[in-house]
N, C-alpha and C. Protein backbone atom coordinates (compact mmCIF):
# COMPACT_ATOMS: atom_id res chain seq x y z
N MET A 1 -48.46 11.17 -2.82
CA MET A 1 -49.55 10.22 -3.01
C MET A 1 -49.06 8.82 -2.68
N SER A 2 -49.88 8.04 -2.00
CA SER A 2 -49.49 6.69 -1.64
C SER A 2 -49.49 5.81 -2.89
N SER A 3 -48.79 4.67 -2.81
CA SER A 3 -48.66 3.79 -3.96
C SER A 3 -49.98 3.13 -4.34
N ILE A 4 -50.26 3.06 -5.63
CA ILE A 4 -51.44 2.39 -6.15
C ILE A 4 -51.00 1.07 -6.77
N THR A 5 -51.48 -0.05 -6.24
CA THR A 5 -51.08 -1.34 -6.75
C THR A 5 -51.98 -1.76 -7.91
N VAL A 6 -51.36 -2.36 -8.93
CA VAL A 6 -52.08 -2.69 -10.17
C VAL A 6 -51.84 -4.14 -10.57
N LEU A 7 -52.90 -4.81 -11.02
CA LEU A 7 -52.82 -6.15 -11.60
C LEU A 7 -53.05 -6.01 -13.10
N LEU A 8 -52.13 -6.52 -13.91
CA LEU A 8 -52.27 -6.47 -15.37
C LEU A 8 -52.78 -7.81 -15.87
N VAL A 9 -53.87 -7.79 -16.64
CA VAL A 9 -54.46 -9.03 -17.17
C VAL A 9 -54.55 -8.94 -18.69
N ASP A 10 -53.70 -9.72 -19.37
CA ASP A 10 -53.69 -9.76 -20.83
C ASP A 10 -52.99 -11.05 -21.24
N ASP A 11 -53.49 -11.71 -22.27
CA ASP A 11 -52.87 -12.98 -22.66
C ASP A 11 -51.60 -12.78 -23.50
N HIS A 12 -51.28 -11.54 -23.85
CA HIS A 12 -50.06 -11.28 -24.61
C HIS A 12 -48.97 -10.72 -23.69
N LEU A 13 -47.89 -11.45 -23.58
CA LEU A 13 -46.78 -11.06 -22.71
C LEU A 13 -46.21 -9.71 -23.11
N VAL A 14 -46.10 -9.46 -24.42
CA VAL A 14 -45.51 -8.20 -24.87
C VAL A 14 -46.37 -7.01 -24.44
N VAL A 15 -47.69 -7.19 -24.41
CA VAL A 15 -48.58 -6.11 -23.98
C VAL A 15 -48.39 -5.86 -22.48
N ARG A 16 -48.35 -6.94 -21.70
CA ARG A 16 -48.15 -6.78 -20.25
C ARG A 16 -46.81 -6.14 -19.96
N SER A 17 -45.77 -6.58 -20.67
CA SER A 17 -44.43 -6.04 -20.43
C SER A 17 -44.37 -4.55 -20.77
N GLY A 18 -44.99 -4.19 -21.90
CA GLY A 18 -45.00 -2.79 -22.29
C GLY A 18 -45.75 -1.92 -21.31
N LEU A 19 -46.89 -2.42 -20.85
CA LEU A 19 -47.70 -1.65 -19.90
C LEU A 19 -47.01 -1.57 -18.55
N ARG A 20 -46.35 -2.65 -18.15
CA ARG A 20 -45.59 -2.63 -16.88
C ARG A 20 -44.49 -1.58 -16.95
N ALA A 21 -43.77 -1.54 -18.06
CA ALA A 21 -42.69 -0.56 -18.22
C ALA A 21 -43.24 0.86 -18.21
N LEU A 22 -44.38 1.05 -18.88
CA LEU A 22 -44.99 2.37 -18.93
C LEU A 22 -45.42 2.83 -17.54
N LEU A 23 -46.11 1.96 -16.80
CA LEU A 23 -46.57 2.33 -15.47
C LEU A 23 -45.39 2.52 -14.51
N GLY A 24 -44.29 1.84 -14.81
CA GLY A 24 -43.10 1.95 -13.97
C GLY A 24 -42.46 3.32 -14.00
N THR A 25 -42.85 4.16 -14.98
CA THR A 25 -42.31 5.52 -15.05
C THR A 25 -43.00 6.45 -14.05
N GLN A 26 -44.08 5.95 -13.42
CA GLN A 26 -44.83 6.76 -12.46
C GLN A 26 -44.55 6.29 -11.02
N PRO A 27 -44.07 7.16 -10.18
CA PRO A 27 -43.68 6.77 -8.81
C PRO A 27 -44.83 6.24 -7.96
N ASP A 28 -46.06 6.59 -8.29
CA ASP A 28 -47.19 6.17 -7.46
C ASP A 28 -47.91 4.93 -7.99
N LEU A 29 -47.49 4.42 -9.18
CA LEU A 29 -48.16 3.25 -9.76
C LEU A 29 -47.23 2.04 -9.70
N HIS A 30 -47.70 0.98 -9.07
CA HIS A 30 -46.85 -0.20 -8.86
C HIS A 30 -47.56 -1.46 -9.33
N VAL A 31 -47.02 -2.11 -10.37
CA VAL A 31 -47.58 -3.36 -10.87
C VAL A 31 -47.21 -4.47 -9.90
N ILE A 32 -48.20 -4.98 -9.20
CA ILE A 32 -47.96 -5.96 -8.15
C ILE A 32 -48.03 -7.40 -8.66
N ALA A 33 -48.72 -7.61 -9.80
CA ALA A 33 -48.86 -8.96 -10.35
C ALA A 33 -49.38 -8.90 -11.77
N GLU A 34 -49.26 -10.03 -12.48
CA GLU A 34 -49.76 -10.15 -13.85
C GLU A 34 -50.55 -11.45 -13.99
N ALA A 35 -51.43 -11.48 -14.98
CA ALA A 35 -52.20 -12.69 -15.26
C ALA A 35 -52.43 -12.78 -16.77
N ALA A 36 -52.47 -14.01 -17.30
CA ALA A 36 -52.63 -14.20 -18.73
C ALA A 36 -54.02 -14.72 -19.10
N SER A 37 -54.88 -14.89 -18.10
CA SER A 37 -56.24 -15.40 -18.36
C SER A 37 -57.20 -14.90 -17.29
N GLY A 38 -58.49 -15.07 -17.55
CA GLY A 38 -59.49 -14.68 -16.57
C GLY A 38 -59.36 -15.48 -15.29
N GLU A 39 -59.08 -16.77 -15.44
CA GLU A 39 -58.93 -17.63 -14.27
C GLU A 39 -57.76 -17.18 -13.41
N GLU A 40 -56.62 -16.89 -14.07
CA GLU A 40 -55.45 -16.42 -13.33
C GLU A 40 -55.73 -15.08 -12.66
N ALA A 41 -56.49 -14.25 -13.33
CA ALA A 41 -56.81 -12.93 -12.78
C ALA A 41 -57.53 -13.07 -11.44
N MET A 42 -58.49 -13.98 -11.37
CA MET A 42 -59.23 -14.19 -10.13
C MET A 42 -58.31 -14.65 -9.01
N ASP A 43 -57.37 -15.54 -9.36
CA ASP A 43 -56.41 -16.02 -8.35
C ASP A 43 -55.51 -14.90 -7.87
N ARG A 44 -55.00 -14.10 -8.82
CA ARG A 44 -54.09 -13.00 -8.44
C ARG A 44 -54.80 -11.95 -7.58
N VAL A 45 -56.07 -11.70 -7.89
CA VAL A 45 -56.83 -10.74 -7.08
C VAL A 45 -56.94 -11.23 -5.65
N GLN A 46 -57.22 -12.52 -5.48
CA GLN A 46 -57.34 -13.09 -4.14
C GLN A 46 -56.00 -13.04 -3.41
N GLU A 47 -54.92 -13.27 -4.14
CA GLU A 47 -53.59 -13.31 -3.52
C GLU A 47 -53.05 -11.93 -3.15
N HIS A 48 -53.27 -10.96 -4.04
CA HIS A 48 -52.60 -9.66 -3.87
C HIS A 48 -53.52 -8.49 -3.54
N SER A 49 -54.82 -8.63 -3.73
CA SER A 49 -55.76 -7.54 -3.46
C SER A 49 -55.29 -6.20 -4.04
N PRO A 50 -55.06 -6.14 -5.34
CA PRO A 50 -54.60 -4.89 -5.95
C PRO A 50 -55.67 -3.81 -5.87
N HIS A 51 -55.25 -2.56 -5.93
CA HIS A 51 -56.20 -1.47 -5.93
C HIS A 51 -56.97 -1.43 -7.26
N VAL A 52 -56.24 -1.69 -8.35
CA VAL A 52 -56.84 -1.59 -9.69
C VAL A 52 -56.46 -2.82 -10.53
N VAL A 53 -57.44 -3.34 -11.26
CA VAL A 53 -57.20 -4.43 -12.22
C VAL A 53 -57.35 -3.85 -13.61
N VAL A 54 -56.31 -3.97 -14.44
CA VAL A 54 -56.36 -3.50 -15.82
C VAL A 54 -56.58 -4.75 -16.69
N MET A 55 -57.76 -4.86 -17.28
CA MET A 55 -58.23 -6.11 -17.88
C MET A 55 -58.47 -6.03 -19.39
N ASP A 56 -57.88 -6.98 -20.13
CA ASP A 56 -58.20 -7.11 -21.55
C ASP A 56 -59.51 -7.89 -21.65
N LEU A 57 -60.19 -7.83 -22.79
CA LEU A 57 -61.46 -8.54 -22.94
C LEU A 57 -61.30 -9.92 -23.56
N ALA A 58 -60.53 -10.03 -24.64
CA ALA A 58 -60.36 -11.31 -25.33
C ALA A 58 -59.05 -11.94 -24.90
N MET A 59 -59.14 -13.16 -24.35
CA MET A 59 -57.92 -13.83 -23.87
C MET A 59 -57.86 -15.30 -24.29
N GLY A 60 -58.24 -15.56 -25.53
CA GLY A 60 -58.14 -16.92 -26.04
C GLY A 60 -59.10 -17.86 -25.36
N ALA A 61 -58.65 -19.10 -25.17
CA ALA A 61 -59.50 -20.12 -24.56
C ALA A 61 -59.74 -19.81 -23.09
N GLY A 62 -60.86 -20.31 -22.58
CA GLY A 62 -61.17 -20.10 -21.17
C GLY A 62 -62.00 -18.86 -20.93
N MET A 63 -61.98 -18.39 -19.70
CA MET A 63 -62.80 -17.26 -19.29
C MET A 63 -62.35 -15.96 -19.96
N ASP A 64 -63.31 -15.23 -20.55
CA ASP A 64 -62.96 -13.96 -21.17
C ASP A 64 -62.98 -12.84 -20.13
N GLY A 65 -62.62 -11.65 -20.58
CA GLY A 65 -62.53 -10.52 -19.66
C GLY A 65 -63.84 -10.13 -19.04
N ILE A 66 -64.93 -10.20 -19.81
CA ILE A 66 -66.24 -9.82 -19.29
C ILE A 66 -66.62 -10.71 -18.11
N GLU A 67 -66.48 -12.01 -18.29
CA GLU A 67 -66.84 -12.95 -17.21
C GLU A 67 -65.92 -12.77 -16.01
N ALA A 68 -64.63 -12.51 -16.27
CA ALA A 68 -63.68 -12.29 -15.17
C ALA A 68 -64.07 -11.05 -14.37
N ILE A 69 -64.47 -9.99 -15.06
CA ILE A 69 -64.90 -8.77 -14.38
C ILE A 69 -66.09 -9.08 -13.49
N ARG A 70 -67.05 -9.79 -14.05
CA ARG A 70 -68.27 -10.12 -13.31
C ARG A 70 -67.95 -10.92 -12.04
N ARG A 71 -67.09 -11.91 -12.17
CA ARG A 71 -66.77 -12.78 -11.03
C ARG A 71 -65.93 -12.06 -9.97
N ILE A 72 -65.00 -11.24 -10.43
CA ILE A 72 -64.20 -10.47 -9.48
C ILE A 72 -65.10 -9.51 -8.71
N ARG A 73 -66.04 -8.90 -9.43
CA ARG A 73 -67.00 -8.00 -8.79
C ARG A 73 -67.81 -8.73 -7.72
N GLU A 74 -68.23 -9.96 -8.01
CA GLU A 74 -69.04 -10.73 -7.07
C GLU A 74 -68.25 -11.04 -5.80
N ARG A 75 -66.96 -11.31 -5.96
CA ARG A 75 -66.12 -11.67 -4.81
C ARG A 75 -65.56 -10.46 -4.09
N ASN A 76 -65.29 -9.39 -4.86
CA ASN A 76 -64.64 -8.21 -4.28
C ASN A 76 -65.40 -6.96 -4.74
N GLY A 77 -66.42 -6.60 -4.01
CA GLY A 77 -67.27 -5.48 -4.39
C GLY A 77 -66.54 -4.17 -4.61
N GLY A 78 -65.44 -3.95 -3.92
CA GLY A 78 -64.76 -2.66 -4.02
C GLY A 78 -63.60 -2.63 -5.00
N GLN A 79 -63.38 -3.73 -5.71
CA GLN A 79 -62.26 -3.79 -6.65
C GLN A 79 -62.50 -2.87 -7.85
N ALA A 80 -61.55 -2.01 -8.15
CA ALA A 80 -61.66 -1.13 -9.31
C ALA A 80 -61.10 -1.86 -10.53
N ILE A 81 -61.90 -1.96 -11.59
CA ILE A 81 -61.47 -2.68 -12.80
C ILE A 81 -61.56 -1.77 -14.01
N LEU A 82 -60.47 -1.69 -14.75
CA LEU A 82 -60.41 -0.90 -15.98
C LEU A 82 -60.23 -1.85 -17.16
N VAL A 83 -61.04 -1.68 -18.17
CA VAL A 83 -60.87 -2.46 -19.40
C VAL A 83 -59.80 -1.78 -20.24
N PHE A 84 -58.89 -2.58 -20.79
CA PHE A 84 -57.82 -2.07 -21.64
C PHE A 84 -57.77 -2.99 -22.86
N THR A 85 -58.35 -2.57 -23.98
CA THR A 85 -58.59 -3.49 -25.08
C THR A 85 -58.56 -2.79 -26.43
N THR A 86 -58.60 -3.58 -27.48
CA THR A 86 -58.70 -3.04 -28.83
C THR A 86 -60.15 -3.04 -29.30
N TYR A 87 -61.03 -3.69 -28.53
CA TYR A 87 -62.43 -3.83 -28.93
C TYR A 87 -63.26 -2.62 -28.50
N ASP A 88 -63.96 -2.00 -29.48
CA ASP A 88 -64.74 -0.81 -29.16
C ASP A 88 -66.16 -0.89 -29.71
N SER A 89 -66.69 -2.12 -29.88
CA SER A 89 -68.07 -2.23 -30.37
C SER A 89 -69.04 -1.84 -29.26
N ASP A 90 -70.23 -1.41 -29.66
CA ASP A 90 -71.24 -1.03 -28.68
C ASP A 90 -71.52 -2.17 -27.70
N ALA A 91 -71.64 -3.39 -28.24
CA ALA A 91 -71.97 -4.54 -27.39
C ALA A 91 -70.88 -4.78 -26.35
N ASP A 92 -69.59 -4.71 -26.77
CA ASP A 92 -68.49 -4.94 -25.83
C ASP A 92 -68.48 -3.88 -24.73
N ILE A 93 -68.69 -2.63 -25.12
CA ILE A 93 -68.66 -1.54 -24.14
C ILE A 93 -69.77 -1.71 -23.10
N VAL A 94 -70.98 -1.96 -23.59
CA VAL A 94 -72.12 -2.10 -22.68
C VAL A 94 -71.95 -3.32 -21.77
N ARG A 95 -71.50 -4.44 -22.33
CA ARG A 95 -71.31 -5.64 -21.53
C ARG A 95 -70.28 -5.42 -20.43
N ALA A 96 -69.19 -4.72 -20.76
CA ALA A 96 -68.13 -4.48 -19.77
C ALA A 96 -68.63 -3.59 -18.64
N VAL A 97 -69.31 -2.52 -19.00
CA VAL A 97 -69.84 -1.60 -17.99
C VAL A 97 -70.89 -2.30 -17.13
N ASP A 98 -71.74 -3.09 -17.80
CA ASP A 98 -72.78 -3.82 -17.08
C ASP A 98 -72.18 -4.84 -16.12
N ALA A 99 -71.03 -5.41 -16.50
CA ALA A 99 -70.37 -6.40 -15.64
C ALA A 99 -69.71 -5.76 -14.42
N GLY A 100 -69.45 -4.44 -14.51
CA GLY A 100 -68.87 -3.75 -13.36
C GLY A 100 -67.57 -3.02 -13.60
N ALA A 101 -67.17 -2.85 -14.87
CA ALA A 101 -65.93 -2.12 -15.15
C ALA A 101 -66.07 -0.65 -14.77
N MET A 102 -65.03 -0.09 -14.16
CA MET A 102 -65.03 1.32 -13.77
C MET A 102 -64.69 2.23 -14.94
N GLY A 103 -63.94 1.69 -15.90
CA GLY A 103 -63.54 2.49 -17.04
C GLY A 103 -63.26 1.61 -18.24
N TYR A 104 -63.12 2.22 -19.41
CA TYR A 104 -62.92 1.47 -20.65
C TYR A 104 -61.94 2.24 -21.51
N LEU A 105 -60.73 1.72 -21.63
CA LEU A 105 -59.68 2.37 -22.40
C LEU A 105 -59.31 1.53 -23.62
N LEU A 106 -59.03 2.20 -24.74
CA LEU A 106 -58.54 1.50 -25.91
C LEU A 106 -57.01 1.48 -25.86
N LYS A 107 -56.43 0.46 -26.49
CA LYS A 107 -54.98 0.27 -26.38
C LYS A 107 -54.16 1.33 -27.10
N ASP A 108 -54.83 2.22 -27.85
CA ASP A 108 -54.09 3.33 -28.46
C ASP A 108 -54.19 4.60 -27.62
N ALA A 109 -54.67 4.44 -26.38
CA ALA A 109 -54.79 5.59 -25.47
C ALA A 109 -53.41 6.16 -25.15
N ALA A 110 -53.36 7.46 -24.95
CA ALA A 110 -52.10 8.12 -24.61
C ALA A 110 -51.68 7.73 -23.20
N PRO A 111 -50.38 7.68 -22.92
CA PRO A 111 -49.90 7.32 -21.58
C PRO A 111 -50.56 8.11 -20.46
N GLU A 112 -50.67 9.43 -20.62
CA GLU A 112 -51.28 10.25 -19.57
C GLU A 112 -52.73 9.87 -19.33
N GLU A 113 -53.40 9.43 -20.39
CA GLU A 113 -54.79 9.00 -20.26
C GLU A 113 -54.88 7.73 -19.43
N ILE A 114 -53.93 6.84 -19.63
CA ILE A 114 -53.89 5.58 -18.87
C ILE A 114 -53.58 5.87 -17.40
N PHE A 115 -52.59 6.70 -17.15
CA PHE A 115 -52.23 7.05 -15.77
C PHE A 115 -53.43 7.67 -15.05
N SER A 116 -54.07 8.62 -15.73
CA SER A 116 -55.20 9.32 -15.14
C SER A 116 -56.36 8.37 -14.83
N ALA A 117 -56.60 7.41 -15.73
CA ALA A 117 -57.70 6.46 -15.54
C ALA A 117 -57.46 5.59 -14.32
N ILE A 118 -56.22 5.13 -14.14
CA ILE A 118 -55.89 4.27 -13.00
C ILE A 118 -56.03 5.05 -11.69
N ARG A 119 -55.53 6.27 -11.67
CA ARG A 119 -55.65 7.09 -10.46
C ARG A 119 -57.10 7.44 -10.18
N GLY A 120 -57.85 7.71 -11.23
CA GLY A 120 -59.25 8.05 -11.06
C GLY A 120 -60.06 6.87 -10.54
N ALA A 121 -59.73 5.66 -11.01
CA ALA A 121 -60.46 4.46 -10.59
C ALA A 121 -60.36 4.26 -9.09
N VAL A 122 -59.19 4.53 -8.54
CA VAL A 122 -59.00 4.39 -7.08
C VAL A 122 -59.90 5.36 -6.32
N GLN A 123 -60.18 6.50 -6.93
CA GLN A 123 -61.02 7.51 -6.30
C GLN A 123 -62.50 7.31 -6.62
N GLY A 124 -62.81 6.21 -7.32
CA GLY A 124 -64.20 5.92 -7.65
C GLY A 124 -64.70 6.63 -8.88
N LYS A 125 -63.78 7.18 -9.69
CA LYS A 125 -64.18 7.88 -10.91
C LYS A 125 -64.22 6.92 -12.08
N SER A 126 -65.21 7.09 -12.92
CA SER A 126 -65.35 6.25 -14.11
C SER A 126 -64.71 6.98 -15.29
N VAL A 127 -63.73 6.35 -15.92
CA VAL A 127 -62.99 7.00 -16.99
C VAL A 127 -63.10 6.18 -18.28
N MET A 128 -63.44 6.86 -19.37
CA MET A 128 -63.56 6.21 -20.68
C MET A 128 -62.69 6.94 -21.70
N SER A 129 -62.16 6.18 -22.67
CA SER A 129 -61.50 6.83 -23.80
C SER A 129 -62.56 7.69 -24.49
N PRO A 130 -62.22 8.87 -24.98
CA PRO A 130 -63.20 9.77 -25.59
C PRO A 130 -64.15 9.10 -26.59
N PRO A 131 -63.64 8.30 -27.56
CA PRO A 131 -64.58 7.68 -28.50
C PRO A 131 -65.51 6.68 -27.84
N VAL A 132 -65.02 6.00 -26.81
CA VAL A 132 -65.85 5.03 -26.08
C VAL A 132 -66.93 5.76 -25.30
N ALA A 133 -66.56 6.83 -24.62
CA ALA A 133 -67.53 7.60 -23.83
C ALA A 133 -68.63 8.14 -24.72
N SER A 134 -68.25 8.65 -25.87
CA SER A 134 -69.24 9.21 -26.79
C SER A 134 -70.26 8.16 -27.22
N ARG A 135 -69.78 6.96 -27.56
CA ARG A 135 -70.67 5.91 -28.02
C ARG A 135 -71.53 5.38 -26.88
N LEU A 136 -70.96 5.25 -25.69
CA LEU A 136 -71.72 4.74 -24.55
C LEU A 136 -72.82 5.71 -24.16
N PHE A 137 -72.49 6.97 -24.03
CA PHE A 137 -73.48 7.96 -23.63
C PHE A 137 -74.59 8.08 -24.67
N GLN A 138 -74.23 7.98 -25.95
CA GLN A 138 -75.24 8.04 -27.00
C GLN A 138 -76.20 6.87 -26.88
N GLN A 139 -75.66 5.69 -26.58
CA GLN A 139 -76.53 4.52 -26.46
C GLN A 139 -77.41 4.61 -25.22
N LEU A 140 -76.87 5.14 -24.13
CA LEU A 140 -77.66 5.27 -22.91
C LEU A 140 -78.82 6.25 -23.13
N ARG A 141 -78.58 7.26 -23.96
CA ARG A 141 -79.65 8.20 -24.25
C ARG A 141 -80.69 7.57 -25.18
N ASN A 142 -80.23 6.72 -26.10
CA ASN A 142 -81.13 6.10 -27.07
C ASN A 142 -80.86 4.60 -27.11
N PRO A 143 -81.34 3.84 -26.13
CA PRO A 143 -81.02 2.42 -26.01
C PRO A 143 -81.44 1.55 -27.18
N GLU A 144 -82.35 2.04 -28.03
CA GLU A 144 -82.78 1.22 -29.16
C GLU A 144 -81.96 1.50 -30.42
N GLU A 145 -81.05 2.47 -30.35
CA GLU A 145 -80.35 2.88 -31.56
C GLU A 145 -79.54 1.77 -32.20
N ILE A 146 -79.00 0.86 -31.40
CA ILE A 146 -78.15 -0.17 -31.97
C ILE A 146 -78.96 -1.22 -32.72
N LEU A 147 -80.27 -1.25 -32.54
CA LEU A 147 -81.13 -2.19 -33.24
C LEU A 147 -81.91 -1.47 -34.34
N THR A 148 -82.11 -2.14 -35.46
CA THR A 148 -82.96 -1.59 -36.50
C THR A 148 -84.41 -1.65 -36.01
N PRO A 149 -85.32 -0.91 -36.61
CA PRO A 149 -86.73 -0.97 -36.19
C PRO A 149 -87.29 -2.40 -36.23
N ARG A 150 -86.94 -3.17 -37.26
CA ARG A 150 -87.44 -4.54 -37.36
C ARG A 150 -86.84 -5.41 -36.25
N GLU A 151 -85.55 -5.21 -35.94
CA GLU A 151 -84.90 -5.98 -34.87
C GLU A 151 -85.52 -5.64 -33.51
N ALA A 152 -85.80 -4.36 -33.29
CA ALA A 152 -86.43 -3.93 -32.04
C ALA A 152 -87.82 -4.55 -31.91
N GLU A 153 -88.55 -4.61 -33.02
CA GLU A 153 -89.89 -5.21 -33.01
C GLU A 153 -89.80 -6.70 -32.70
N LEU A 154 -88.84 -7.37 -33.32
CA LEU A 154 -88.66 -8.80 -33.09
C LEU A 154 -88.25 -9.08 -31.65
N LEU A 155 -87.38 -8.24 -31.10
CA LEU A 155 -86.96 -8.40 -29.72
C LEU A 155 -88.15 -8.27 -28.78
N SER A 156 -89.03 -7.32 -29.05
CA SER A 156 -90.23 -7.14 -28.23
C SER A 156 -91.13 -8.37 -28.30
N LEU A 157 -91.27 -8.95 -29.50
CA LEU A 157 -92.13 -10.12 -29.67
C LEU A 157 -91.56 -11.37 -28.99
N LEU A 158 -90.25 -11.39 -28.80
CA LEU A 158 -89.63 -12.55 -28.13
C LEU A 158 -90.21 -12.76 -26.74
N THR A 159 -90.60 -11.68 -26.09
CA THR A 159 -91.12 -11.78 -24.72
C THR A 159 -92.46 -12.50 -24.68
N GLU A 160 -93.10 -12.69 -25.84
CA GLU A 160 -94.38 -13.40 -25.88
C GLU A 160 -94.20 -14.91 -26.01
N GLY A 161 -92.93 -15.34 -26.10
CA GLY A 161 -92.66 -16.77 -26.17
C GLY A 161 -92.97 -17.40 -27.51
N LEU A 162 -92.95 -16.61 -28.57
CA LEU A 162 -93.28 -17.14 -29.89
C LEU A 162 -92.11 -17.94 -30.48
N SER A 163 -92.43 -18.98 -31.25
CA SER A 163 -91.41 -19.76 -31.94
C SER A 163 -90.95 -18.98 -33.16
N ASN A 164 -89.85 -19.43 -33.79
CA ASN A 164 -89.38 -18.75 -35.00
C ASN A 164 -90.45 -18.73 -36.08
N ARG A 165 -91.16 -19.84 -36.22
CA ARG A 165 -92.22 -19.91 -37.23
C ARG A 165 -93.32 -18.90 -36.92
N GLU A 166 -93.71 -18.82 -35.63
CA GLU A 166 -94.76 -17.87 -35.23
C GLU A 166 -94.29 -16.43 -35.41
N LEU A 167 -93.02 -16.19 -35.13
CA LEU A 167 -92.47 -14.85 -35.33
C LEU A 167 -92.52 -14.47 -36.80
N GLY A 168 -92.18 -15.44 -37.66
CA GLY A 168 -92.22 -15.19 -39.10
C GLY A 168 -93.62 -14.85 -39.58
N ARG A 169 -94.61 -15.61 -39.07
CA ARG A 169 -95.99 -15.35 -39.46
C ARG A 169 -96.45 -13.98 -38.99
N ARG A 170 -96.07 -13.62 -37.77
CA ARG A 170 -96.50 -12.33 -37.20
C ARG A 170 -95.91 -11.16 -38.01
N LEU A 171 -94.67 -11.34 -38.45
CA LEU A 171 -93.98 -10.25 -39.14
C LEU A 171 -93.99 -10.39 -40.66
N PHE A 172 -94.62 -11.50 -41.15
CA PHE A 172 -94.71 -11.75 -42.59
C PHE A 172 -93.33 -11.88 -43.23
N ILE A 173 -92.46 -12.64 -42.55
CA ILE A 173 -91.13 -12.93 -43.09
C ILE A 173 -90.86 -14.42 -42.92
N SER A 174 -89.83 -14.93 -43.58
CA SER A 174 -89.52 -16.36 -43.52
C SER A 174 -88.80 -16.71 -42.22
N GLU A 175 -88.79 -18.00 -41.89
CA GLU A 175 -88.06 -18.44 -40.70
C GLU A 175 -86.58 -18.13 -40.83
N ALA A 176 -86.07 -18.29 -42.05
CA ALA A 176 -84.64 -18.00 -42.28
C ALA A 176 -84.32 -16.54 -41.97
N THR A 177 -85.23 -15.65 -42.35
CA THR A 177 -85.03 -14.23 -42.08
C THR A 177 -85.12 -13.95 -40.58
N VAL A 178 -86.03 -14.66 -39.92
CA VAL A 178 -86.14 -14.52 -38.46
C VAL A 178 -84.81 -14.90 -37.81
N LYS A 179 -84.23 -16.03 -38.24
CA LYS A 179 -82.97 -16.50 -37.66
C LYS A 179 -81.84 -15.49 -37.91
N THR A 180 -81.86 -14.88 -39.08
CA THR A 180 -80.84 -13.88 -39.39
C THR A 180 -80.98 -12.66 -38.48
N HIS A 181 -82.22 -12.20 -38.30
CA HIS A 181 -82.46 -11.06 -37.41
C HIS A 181 -82.04 -11.40 -35.98
N LEU A 182 -82.37 -12.62 -35.53
CA LEU A 182 -82.02 -13.02 -34.17
C LEU A 182 -80.51 -13.05 -33.98
N ALA A 183 -79.78 -13.53 -34.98
CA ALA A 183 -78.32 -13.56 -34.89
C ALA A 183 -77.76 -12.15 -34.74
N HIS A 184 -78.34 -11.20 -35.49
CA HIS A 184 -77.88 -9.81 -35.40
C HIS A 184 -78.21 -9.22 -34.02
N ILE A 185 -79.40 -9.54 -33.51
CA ILE A 185 -79.81 -9.04 -32.19
C ILE A 185 -78.88 -9.56 -31.11
N TYR A 186 -78.61 -10.86 -31.15
CA TYR A 186 -77.73 -11.47 -30.14
C TYR A 186 -76.36 -10.80 -30.16
N ALA A 187 -75.83 -10.60 -31.37
CA ALA A 187 -74.49 -10.00 -31.50
C ALA A 187 -74.47 -8.57 -30.96
N LYS A 188 -75.50 -7.79 -31.29
CA LYS A 188 -75.54 -6.40 -30.85
C LYS A 188 -75.75 -6.26 -29.36
N LEU A 189 -76.52 -7.18 -28.76
CA LEU A 189 -76.79 -7.11 -27.32
C LEU A 189 -75.71 -7.80 -26.51
N GLY A 190 -74.82 -8.53 -27.19
CA GLY A 190 -73.77 -9.25 -26.47
C GLY A 190 -74.30 -10.45 -25.72
N VAL A 191 -75.34 -11.10 -26.26
CA VAL A 191 -75.91 -12.29 -25.62
C VAL A 191 -75.80 -13.47 -26.58
N GLU A 192 -76.02 -14.67 -26.07
CA GLU A 192 -75.87 -15.86 -26.91
C GLU A 192 -77.14 -16.70 -26.99
N THR A 193 -78.13 -16.41 -26.18
CA THR A 193 -79.33 -17.22 -26.16
C THR A 193 -80.60 -16.38 -26.25
N ARG A 194 -81.68 -17.04 -26.62
CA ARG A 194 -82.98 -16.38 -26.69
C ARG A 194 -83.38 -15.88 -25.30
N ALA A 195 -83.12 -16.70 -24.27
CA ALA A 195 -83.48 -16.33 -22.91
C ALA A 195 -82.78 -15.04 -22.48
N ALA A 196 -81.49 -14.92 -22.83
CA ALA A 196 -80.74 -13.72 -22.47
C ALA A 196 -81.27 -12.50 -23.21
N ALA A 197 -81.66 -12.70 -24.47
CA ALA A 197 -82.22 -11.60 -25.25
C ALA A 197 -83.55 -11.15 -24.65
N ILE A 198 -84.36 -12.13 -24.23
CA ILE A 198 -85.66 -11.82 -23.62
C ILE A 198 -85.45 -11.04 -22.32
N ALA A 199 -84.46 -11.47 -21.52
CA ALA A 199 -84.18 -10.78 -20.26
C ALA A 199 -83.80 -9.33 -20.52
N THR A 200 -83.03 -9.11 -21.57
CA THR A 200 -82.63 -7.75 -21.94
C THR A 200 -83.84 -6.93 -22.36
N ALA A 201 -84.73 -7.56 -23.14
CA ALA A 201 -85.94 -6.87 -23.59
C ALA A 201 -86.82 -6.47 -22.41
N ILE A 202 -86.98 -7.38 -21.46
CA ILE A 202 -87.80 -7.09 -20.28
C ILE A 202 -87.19 -5.96 -19.47
N ARG A 203 -85.86 -5.98 -19.34
CA ARG A 203 -85.17 -4.95 -18.57
C ARG A 203 -85.34 -3.58 -19.23
N ARG A 204 -85.29 -3.56 -20.56
CA ARG A 204 -85.47 -2.30 -21.28
C ARG A 204 -86.88 -1.77 -21.08
N GLU A 205 -87.85 -2.66 -21.14
CA GLU A 205 -89.22 -2.22 -20.94
C GLU A 205 -89.39 -1.64 -19.54
N GLY A 206 -88.72 -2.25 -18.55
CA GLY A 206 -88.84 -1.77 -17.19
C GLY A 206 -88.17 -0.43 -16.97
N MET A 207 -87.19 -0.08 -17.85
CA MET A 207 -86.47 1.18 -17.71
C MET A 207 -87.22 2.34 -18.33
N ARG A 208 -88.25 2.05 -19.12
CA ARG A 208 -88.99 3.14 -19.79
C ARG A 208 -89.93 3.85 -18.84
């Protein structure tokens, strides 16, 4: 098998060093570069054109892994990107896949699982850690499951352009309760603004 070049992206040196050493035990996997931030990752991709980018999600200040994945995808449509992280929330998984990640591995994955995921990514295969795959597929089958019935109702009403006060009147709850529900919705959908939540609601309606 020809050599597969890999870019490691993680803000912790010890994690990169450990992963480099692990991949170094495989004759076909070659770590060509490392990056400690999303910004550095974009530069390294341009410089080295690795076959696979192994990306952490949280990297301190600056661009996070999700945004880095999205930007690398925009610049390099064929770049294979694998998430390698400790985060396994529904929102993180969906955001990463939506941004263009080929696979999603947790940092407690077995070595053989990591090797297989990198090799599979080069072949266009999408590889997920078993617990991640189970949660992702469950959500894809039931996209409303992560929201409570009241949160789903509130998300639907957002598309009507109602203010928090109007939402409260419609649902017979206080403005404070509306704000609490909105905060939970934003966190579960992985968005930060009302506009982003509305866009997600419209997209869901279009998928039905």
